[in-house]
Amino acid sequence: MGNTFFLSGNRLLEAINTNKDAAILFIYGVNDTFSLVQFGYKLEPKYCLPKALDDGNQLLLVVKKYLENNPSQLHESATILVSLALREPFPCP
């Protein structure tokens, strides 16, 4: 991770390509964290995952596509990038 205190989009994309299970767990962790914060602070959610998700592969593909389509953002926090990646394909009703 170098001198940064967060996982970058570059590192997440690398993990997606080399350690799929770890990347899926990271994405689920980001989702769980955002859900907790939104619930605790009574914030409107930025995205809403469907209840019938598979084993994480769909989320992985969505995040991977977002990262690959936005290379200028890859130096940013992977946590924020995951949130951004999930907003368009999974809007809240």
C-alpha atoms as a PDB file:
ATOM      1  CA  MET A   1       0.000   0.000   0.000  1.00  0.00           C
ATOM      2  CA  GLY A   2       2.946   2.345   0.051  1.00  0.00           C
ATOM      3  CA  ASN A   3       2.578   5.475   2.141  1.00  0.00           C
ATOM      4  CA  THR A   4      -1.201   5.558   1.965  1.00  0.00           C
ATOM      5  CA  PHE A   5      -3.597   4.566   4.710  1.00  0.00           C
ATOM      6  CA  PHE A   6      -6.248   3.130   2.423  1.00  0.00           C
ATOM      7  CA  LEU A   7      -6.594   0.525  -0.290  1.00  0.00           C
ATOM      8  CA  SER A   8      -6.533   2.295  -3.646  1.00  0.00           C
ATOM      9  CA  GLY A   9      -8.605   1.469  -6.684  1.00  0.00           C
ATOM     10  CA  ASN A  10      -5.416   0.209  -8.339  1.00  0.00           C
ATOM     11  CA  ARG A  11      -4.881  -2.309  -5.544  1.00  0.00           C
ATOM     12  CA  LEU A  12      -8.516  -3.405  -5.588  1.00  0.00           C
ATOM     13  CA  LEU A  13      -8.419  -3.948  -9.351  1.00  0.00           C
ATOM     14  CA  GLU A  14      -5.236  -5.971  -8.888  1.00  0.00           C
ATOM     15  CA  ALA A  15      -6.978  -8.057  -6.200  1.00  0.00           C
ATOM     16  CA  ILE A  16     -10.008  -8.590  -8.435  1.00  0.00           C
ATOM     17  CA  ASN A  17      -7.700 -10.024 -11.084  1.00  0.00           C
ATOM     18  CA  THR A  18      -5.535 -12.128  -8.766  1.00  0.00           C
ATOM     19  CA  ASN A  19      -7.501 -12.931  -5.594  1.00  0.00           C
ATOM     20  CA  LYS A  20     -11.196 -12.881  -6.417  1.00  0.00           C
ATOM     21  CA  ASP A  21     -12.363 -14.181  -3.022  1.00  0.00           C
ATOM     22  CA  ALA A  22     -10.493 -11.468  -1.099  1.00  0.00           C
ATOM     23  CA  ALA A  23     -11.877  -8.805  -3.452  1.00  0.00           C
ATOM     24  CA  ILE A  24     -15.447 -10.054  -2.933  1.00  0.00           C
ATOM     25  CA  LEU A  25     -14.963  -9.979   0.838  1.00  0.00           C
ATOM     26  CA  PHE A  26     -13.628  -6.420   0.615  1.00  0.00           C
ATOM     27  CA  ILE A  27     -16.668  -5.325  -1.432  1.00  0.00           C
ATOM     28  CA  TYR A  28     -19.051  -6.950   1.060  1.00  0.00           C
ATOM     29  CA  GLY A  29     -17.152  -5.256   3.892  1.00  0.00           C
ATOM     30  CA  VAL A  30     -17.544  -1.874   2.219  1.00  0.00           C
ATOM     31  CA  ASN A  31     -21.259  -2.506   1.772  1.00  0.00           C
ATOM     32  CA  ASP A  32     -21.661  -3.580   5.395  1.00  0.00           C
ATOM     33  CA  THR A  33     -19.798  -0.495   6.610  1.00  0.00           C
ATOM     34  CA  PHE A  34     -21.887   1.884   4.512  1.00  0.00           C
ATOM     35  CA  SER A  35     -25.073   0.149   5.691  1.00  0.00           C
ATOM     36  CA  LEU A  36     -24.053   0.521   9.328  1.00  0.00           C
ATOM     37  CA  VAL A  37     -23.186   4.194   8.945  1.00  0.00           C
ATOM     38  CA  GLN A  38     -26.402   4.928   7.048  1.00  0.00           C
ATOM     39  CA  PHE A  39     -28.484   3.160   9.682  1.00  0.00           C
ATOM     40  CA  GLY A  40     -26.637   4.713  12.616  1.00  0.00           C
ATOM     41  CA  TYR A  41     -26.857   8.259  11.282  1.00  0.00           C
ATOM     42  CA  LYS A  42     -30.248   7.776   9.632  1.00  0.00           C
ATOM     43  CA  LEU A  43     -28.873   8.712   6.209  1.00  0.00           C
ATOM     44  CA  GLU A  44     -30.500   7.985   2.894  1.00  0.00           C
ATOM     45  CA  PRO A  45     -28.714   5.070   1.198  1.00  0.00           C
ATOM     46  CA  LYS A  46     -26.750   5.843  -1.956  1.00  0.00           C
ATOM     47  CA  TYR A  47     -27.504   2.420  -3.453  1.00  0.00           C
ATOM     48  CA  CYS A  48     -29.670  -0.603  -2.601  1.00  0.00           C
ATOM     49  CA  LEU A  49     -28.411  -4.080  -3.345  1.00  0.00           C
ATOM     50  CA  PRO A  50     -30.996  -6.620  -4.474  1.00  0.00           C
ATOM     51  CA  LYS A  51     -31.901  -9.247  -1.897  1.00  0.00           C
ATOM     52  CA  ALA A  52     -31.241 -12.099  -4.335  1.00  0.00           C
ATOM     53  CA  LEU A  53     -27.543 -11.615  -5.048  1.00  0.00           C
ATOM     54  CA  ASP A  54     -25.397 -14.553  -6.060  1.00  0.00           C
ATOM     55  CA  ASP A  55     -22.170 -15.440  -4.281  1.00  0.00           C
ATOM     56  CA  GLY A  56     -20.667 -12.016  -4.948  1.00  0.00           C
ATOM     57  CA  ASN A  57     -19.638 -12.489  -8.556  1.00  0.00           C
ATOM     58  CA  GLN A  58     -22.183  -9.951  -9.804  1.00  0.00           C
ATOM     59  CA  LEU A  59     -20.852  -7.301  -7.418  1.00  0.00           C
ATOM     60  CA  LEU A  60     -17.309  -8.156  -8.414  1.00  0.00           C
ATOM     61  CA  LEU A  61     -18.120  -7.715 -12.116  1.00  0.00           C
ATOM     62  CA  VAL A  62     -19.900  -4.394 -11.506  1.00  0.00           C
ATOM     63  CA  VAL A  63     -16.993  -2.994  -9.473  1.00  0.00           C
ATOM     64  CA  LYS A  64     -14.394  -4.304 -11.930  1.00  0.00           C
ATOM     65  CA  LYS A  65     -16.183  -2.673 -14.863  1.00  0.00           C
ATOM     66  CA  TYR A  66     -16.419   0.637 -12.990  1.00  0.00           C
ATOM     67  CA  LEU A  67     -12.716   0.587 -12.121  1.00  0.00           C
ATOM     68  CA  GLU A  68     -11.696  -0.314 -15.670  1.00  0.00           C
ATOM     69  CA  ASN A  69     -13.947   2.408 -17.114  1.00  0.00           C
ATOM     70  CA  ASN A  70     -12.622   5.087 -14.737  1.00  0.00           C
ATOM     71  CA  PRO A  71      -8.830   4.767 -14.761  1.00  0.00           C
ATOM     72  CA  SER A  72      -8.348   8.401 -13.731  1.00  0.00           C
ATOM     73  CA  GLN A  73      -9.894   7.550 -10.340  1.00  0.00           C
ATOM     74  CA  LEU A  74      -7.809   4.463  -9.525  1.00  0.00           C
ATOM     75  CA  HIS A  75      -5.552   6.376  -7.119  1.00  0.00           C
ATOM     76  CA  GLU A  76      -8.587   7.144  -4.945  1.00  0.00           C
ATOM     77  CA  SER A  77      -9.824   5.111  -1.970  1.00  0.00           C
ATOM     78  CA  ALA A  78     -11.189   1.728  -3.012  1.00  0.00           C
ATOM     79  CA  THR A  79     -13.935   2.108  -0.400  1.00  0.00           C
ATOM     80  CA  ILE A  80     -15.292   5.231  -2.087  1.00  0.00           C
ATOM     81  CA  LEU A  81     -14.882   3.717  -5.553  1.00  0.00           C
ATOM     82  CA  VAL A  82     -16.913   0.650  -4.561  1.00  0.00           C
ATOM     83  CA  SER A  83     -19.700   2.929  -3.350  1.00  0.00           C
ATOM     84  CA  LEU A  84     -19.619   4.898  -6.597  1.00  0.00           C
ATOM     85  CA  ALA A  85     -19.581   1.705  -8.653  1.00  0.00           C
ATOM     86  CA  LEU A  86     -22.752   0.393  -7.000  1.00  0.00           C
ATOM     87  CA  ARG A  87     -24.868   3.544  -7.288  1.00  0.00           C
ATOM     88  CA  GLU A  88     -25.938   3.387 -10.939  1.00  0.00           C
ATOM     89  CA  PRO A  89     -26.667  -0.338 -11.319  1.00  0.00           C
ATOM     90  CA  PHE A  90     -28.392  -0.625  -7.924  1.00  0.00           C
ATOM     91  CA  PRO A  91     -30.498   2.510  -7.359  1.00  0.00           C
ATOM     92  CA  CYS A  92     -32.850   2.654  -4.404  1.00  0.00           C
ATOM     93  CA  PRO A  93     -36.577   2.480  -5.134  1.00  0.00           C
END
